[in-house]
N, C-alpha and C. Protein backbone atom coordinates (compact mmCIF):
# COMPACT_ATOMS: atom_id res chain seq x y z
N UNK A 1 -18.25 -0.36 -26.81
CA UNK A 1 -17.81 -1.70 -26.49
C UNK A 1 -18.15 -2.59 -27.67
N UNK A 2 -17.19 -3.31 -28.15
CA UNK A 2 -17.43 -4.23 -29.26
C UNK A 2 -17.22 -5.66 -28.77
N UNK A 3 -17.74 -6.61 -29.54
CA UNK A 3 -17.63 -8.01 -29.15
C UNK A 3 -17.01 -8.80 -30.29
N UNK A 4 -16.22 -9.80 -29.94
CA UNK A 4 -15.63 -10.71 -30.92
C UNK A 4 -15.99 -12.13 -30.49
N UNK A 5 -16.18 -12.98 -31.47
CA UNK A 5 -16.52 -14.36 -31.15
C UNK A 5 -15.27 -15.22 -31.13
N UNK A 6 -15.25 -16.15 -30.24
CA UNK A 6 -14.13 -17.06 -30.04
C UNK A 6 -14.73 -18.44 -29.83
N UNK A 7 -13.95 -19.49 -30.00
CA UNK A 7 -14.45 -20.85 -29.78
C UNK A 7 -14.95 -21.04 -28.36
N UNK A 8 -14.41 -20.27 -27.42
CA UNK A 8 -14.79 -20.42 -26.02
C UNK A 8 -15.95 -19.52 -25.63
N UNK A 9 -16.36 -18.61 -26.45
CA UNK A 9 -17.45 -17.70 -26.12
C UNK A 9 -17.24 -16.35 -26.74
N UNK A 10 -17.83 -15.34 -26.15
CA UNK A 10 -17.75 -13.97 -26.64
C UNK A 10 -16.72 -13.21 -25.83
N UNK A 11 -15.84 -12.48 -26.52
CA UNK A 11 -14.84 -11.65 -25.87
C UNK A 11 -15.29 -10.20 -26.00
N UNK A 12 -15.48 -9.53 -24.88
CA UNK A 12 -15.90 -8.13 -24.89
C UNK A 12 -14.68 -7.24 -24.78
N UNK A 13 -14.63 -6.21 -25.61
CA UNK A 13 -13.55 -5.24 -25.58
C UNK A 13 -14.03 -4.02 -24.79
N UNK A 14 -13.38 -3.75 -23.67
CA UNK A 14 -13.73 -2.60 -22.85
C UNK A 14 -12.74 -1.47 -23.13
N UNK A 15 -13.21 -0.23 -23.03
CA UNK A 15 -12.29 0.89 -23.23
C UNK A 15 -11.22 0.89 -22.15
N UNK A 16 -10.02 1.33 -22.50
CA UNK A 16 -8.91 1.33 -21.55
C UNK A 16 -8.76 2.67 -20.83
N UNK A 17 -9.80 3.45 -20.80
CA UNK A 17 -9.76 4.75 -20.13
C UNK A 17 -9.84 4.54 -18.63
N UNK A 18 -8.88 5.13 -17.90
CA UNK A 18 -8.91 5.05 -16.44
C UNK A 18 -9.48 6.34 -15.91
N UNK A 19 -10.45 6.21 -15.06
CA UNK A 19 -11.06 7.38 -14.44
C UNK A 19 -10.63 7.44 -12.98
N UNK A 20 -10.43 8.65 -12.44
CA UNK A 20 -10.04 8.75 -11.03
C UNK A 20 -11.15 8.22 -10.13
N UNK A 21 -10.74 7.61 -9.02
CA UNK A 21 -11.71 7.10 -8.07
C UNK A 21 -12.38 8.25 -7.34
N UNK A 22 -13.63 8.07 -6.95
CA UNK A 22 -14.25 9.11 -6.12
C UNK A 22 -13.47 9.26 -4.83
N UNK A 23 -13.46 10.42 -4.27
CA UNK A 23 -12.66 10.73 -3.09
C UNK A 23 -12.94 9.76 -1.94
N UNK A 24 -14.19 9.33 -1.77
CA UNK A 24 -14.54 8.47 -0.65
C UNK A 24 -13.99 7.06 -0.81
N UNK A 25 -13.54 6.66 -1.99
CA UNK A 25 -13.03 5.31 -2.21
C UNK A 25 -11.52 5.26 -2.27
N UNK A 26 -10.85 6.35 -1.94
CA UNK A 26 -9.39 6.36 -1.95
C UNK A 26 -8.86 5.46 -0.84
N UNK A 27 -7.67 4.86 -1.03
CA UNK A 27 -7.09 4.02 0.02
C UNK A 27 -6.60 4.84 1.20
N UNK A 28 -5.88 4.20 2.09
CA UNK A 28 -5.41 4.83 3.32
C UNK A 28 -4.74 6.17 3.05
N UNK A 29 -5.08 7.14 3.83
CA UNK A 29 -4.45 8.46 3.71
C UNK A 29 -3.09 8.42 4.41
N UNK A 30 -2.21 9.30 4.02
CA UNK A 30 -0.89 9.35 4.65
C UNK A 30 -0.98 9.64 6.14
N UNK A 31 -1.99 10.39 6.55
CA UNK A 31 -2.12 10.73 7.97
C UNK A 31 -2.42 9.50 8.82
N UNK A 32 -2.76 8.38 8.20
CA UNK A 32 -3.05 7.15 8.93
C UNK A 32 -1.80 6.60 9.59
N UNK A 33 -0.64 6.86 9.00
CA UNK A 33 0.61 6.34 9.52
C UNK A 33 1.17 7.24 10.60
N UNK A 34 1.81 6.66 11.62
CA UNK A 34 2.48 7.49 12.62
C UNK A 34 3.58 8.32 11.97
N UNK A 35 3.86 9.49 12.52
CA UNK A 35 4.84 10.39 11.94
C UNK A 35 6.26 9.86 12.07
N UNK A 36 6.56 9.16 13.15
CA UNK A 36 7.91 8.65 13.36
C UNK A 36 7.85 7.36 14.15
N UNK A 37 8.93 6.59 14.13
CA UNK A 37 8.91 5.33 14.87
C UNK A 37 8.81 5.58 16.37
N UNK A 38 8.15 4.69 17.08
CA UNK A 38 8.06 4.85 18.53
C UNK A 38 9.43 4.69 19.17
N UNK A 39 9.66 5.33 20.32
CA UNK A 39 10.96 5.23 20.98
C UNK A 39 11.23 3.81 21.44
N UNK A 40 12.51 3.48 21.57
CA UNK A 40 12.90 2.14 22.01
C UNK A 40 12.54 1.90 23.47
N UNK A 41 12.69 0.66 23.90
CA UNK A 41 12.44 0.34 25.30
C UNK A 41 11.04 -0.16 25.56
N UNK A 42 10.14 -0.12 24.56
CA UNK A 42 8.77 -0.58 24.77
C UNK A 42 8.60 -2.04 24.34
N UNK A 43 9.68 -2.76 24.17
CA UNK A 43 9.58 -4.13 23.69
C UNK A 43 9.31 -4.15 22.20
N UNK A 44 8.87 -5.29 21.75
CA UNK A 44 8.64 -5.45 20.32
C UNK A 44 7.21 -5.12 19.89
N UNK A 45 6.33 -4.81 20.82
CA UNK A 45 4.92 -4.61 20.47
C UNK A 45 4.71 -3.51 19.44
N UNK A 46 5.31 -2.35 19.66
CA UNK A 46 5.13 -1.25 18.70
C UNK A 46 5.81 -1.55 17.37
N UNK A 47 6.97 -2.18 17.43
CA UNK A 47 7.67 -2.53 16.20
C UNK A 47 6.85 -3.54 15.40
N UNK A 48 6.29 -4.52 16.09
CA UNK A 48 5.45 -5.50 15.40
C UNK A 48 4.23 -4.86 14.77
N UNK A 49 3.66 -3.85 15.42
CA UNK A 49 2.52 -3.13 14.85
C UNK A 49 2.92 -2.41 13.57
N UNK A 50 4.15 -1.88 13.54
CA UNK A 50 4.64 -1.22 12.33
C UNK A 50 4.79 -2.23 11.19
N UNK A 51 5.28 -3.42 11.50
CA UNK A 51 5.41 -4.46 10.48
C UNK A 51 4.04 -4.90 9.99
N UNK A 52 3.08 -5.02 10.91
CA UNK A 52 1.71 -5.37 10.52
C UNK A 52 1.12 -4.29 9.60
N UNK A 53 1.40 -3.03 9.95
CA UNK A 53 0.92 -1.92 9.13
C UNK A 53 1.54 -1.99 7.73
N UNK A 54 2.82 -2.35 7.67
CA UNK A 54 3.49 -2.48 6.37
C UNK A 54 2.75 -3.49 5.48
N UNK A 55 2.36 -4.61 6.06
CA UNK A 55 1.64 -5.63 5.28
C UNK A 55 0.32 -5.06 4.78
N UNK A 56 -0.41 -4.34 5.64
CA UNK A 56 -1.71 -3.78 5.23
C UNK A 56 -1.55 -2.75 4.11
N UNK A 57 -0.60 -1.82 4.26
CA UNK A 57 -0.46 -0.79 3.23
C UNK A 57 0.11 -1.37 1.94
N UNK A 58 0.94 -2.43 2.04
CA UNK A 58 1.42 -3.10 0.83
C UNK A 58 0.26 -3.73 0.09
N UNK A 59 -0.66 -4.33 0.82
CA UNK A 59 -1.84 -4.93 0.20
C UNK A 59 -2.70 -3.86 -0.48
N UNK A 60 -2.85 -2.72 0.19
CA UNK A 60 -3.61 -1.61 -0.41
C UNK A 60 -2.92 -1.11 -1.68
N UNK A 61 -1.61 -0.96 -1.61
CA UNK A 61 -0.87 -0.47 -2.79
C UNK A 61 -1.00 -1.45 -3.94
N UNK A 62 -0.96 -2.74 -3.65
CA UNK A 62 -1.09 -3.76 -4.68
C UNK A 62 -2.48 -3.69 -5.30
N UNK A 63 -3.49 -3.50 -4.47
CA UNK A 63 -4.87 -3.46 -4.96
C UNK A 63 -5.19 -2.18 -5.72
N UNK A 64 -4.83 -1.03 -5.16
CA UNK A 64 -5.22 0.25 -5.74
C UNK A 64 -4.28 0.70 -6.84
N UNK A 65 -3.00 0.44 -6.67
CA UNK A 65 -1.98 0.83 -7.66
C UNK A 65 -2.05 2.31 -8.04
N UNK A 66 -2.12 3.15 -7.01
CA UNK A 66 -2.18 4.59 -7.24
C UNK A 66 -1.02 5.26 -6.49
N UNK A 67 -0.70 6.49 -6.84
CA UNK A 67 0.44 7.18 -6.22
C UNK A 67 0.30 7.34 -4.71
N UNK A 68 -0.90 7.60 -4.22
CA UNK A 68 -1.09 7.79 -2.78
C UNK A 68 -0.77 6.52 -2.00
N UNK A 69 -1.19 5.39 -2.52
CA UNK A 69 -0.90 4.12 -1.85
C UNK A 69 0.60 3.84 -1.84
N UNK A 70 1.26 4.16 -2.94
CA UNK A 70 2.71 3.95 -2.98
C UNK A 70 3.44 4.90 -2.03
N UNK A 71 2.95 6.13 -1.90
CA UNK A 71 3.54 7.07 -0.94
C UNK A 71 3.40 6.54 0.48
N UNK A 72 2.23 6.01 0.80
CA UNK A 72 1.99 5.46 2.13
C UNK A 72 2.91 4.28 2.39
N UNK A 73 3.07 3.42 1.40
CA UNK A 73 3.95 2.26 1.52
C UNK A 73 5.40 2.71 1.69
N UNK A 74 5.79 3.69 0.92
CA UNK A 74 7.16 4.20 1.01
C UNK A 74 7.44 4.77 2.40
N UNK A 75 6.49 5.49 2.97
CA UNK A 75 6.66 6.05 4.32
C UNK A 75 6.83 4.94 5.36
N UNK A 76 6.05 3.88 5.23
CA UNK A 76 6.15 2.76 6.17
C UNK A 76 7.52 2.08 6.05
N UNK A 77 7.99 1.87 4.83
CA UNK A 77 9.29 1.24 4.61
C UNK A 77 10.41 2.14 5.15
N UNK A 78 10.30 3.43 4.95
CA UNK A 78 11.32 4.36 5.43
C UNK A 78 11.47 4.29 6.94
N UNK A 79 10.33 4.27 7.65
CA UNK A 79 10.38 4.18 9.11
C UNK A 79 11.00 2.85 9.56
N UNK A 80 10.59 1.76 8.93
CA UNK A 80 11.12 0.46 9.32
C UNK A 80 12.60 0.32 8.96
N UNK A 81 13.00 0.95 7.86
CA UNK A 81 14.41 0.88 7.45
C UNK A 81 15.31 1.45 8.54
N UNK A 82 14.88 2.53 9.20
CA UNK A 82 15.68 3.13 10.28
C UNK A 82 15.85 2.13 11.43
N UNK A 83 14.79 1.42 11.78
CA UNK A 83 14.88 0.43 12.85
C UNK A 83 15.79 -0.72 12.46
N UNK A 84 15.62 -1.22 11.24
CA UNK A 84 16.43 -2.34 10.77
C UNK A 84 17.91 -1.94 10.75
N UNK A 85 18.23 -0.76 10.26
CA UNK A 85 19.60 -0.28 10.21
C UNK A 85 20.18 -0.19 11.62
N UNK A 86 19.40 0.31 12.57
CA UNK A 86 19.85 0.42 13.94
C UNK A 86 20.10 -0.97 14.54
N UNK A 87 19.19 -1.92 14.29
CA UNK A 87 19.35 -3.28 14.83
C UNK A 87 20.56 -3.99 14.24
N UNK A 88 20.80 -3.80 12.95
CA UNK A 88 21.88 -4.52 12.29
C UNK A 88 23.24 -3.86 12.49
N UNK A 89 23.24 -2.61 12.94
CA UNK A 89 24.53 -1.93 13.17
C UNK A 89 25.06 -2.20 14.58
N UNK A 90 24.23 -2.77 15.43
CA UNK A 90 24.65 -3.00 16.82
C UNK A 90 25.60 -4.16 16.95
């Protein structure tokens, strides 16, 4: 690590090497998500839970920025896309 002086203070140069996170600090696992959308007829409660889950996994993907988080986000969007397509085709 080297340091450079600036009018505002000292600027530290950190190495740009990315190390993998320890296994215990990984974001949500794919198994956290339901395998398929719940069947219709249960009102909006289950659908709203899926939308809430989308917000949580999007936040995790934004924070972690790793392939697993993006896979989890993609799975959530895929499930919701089927519902949206069904609602808009009616």
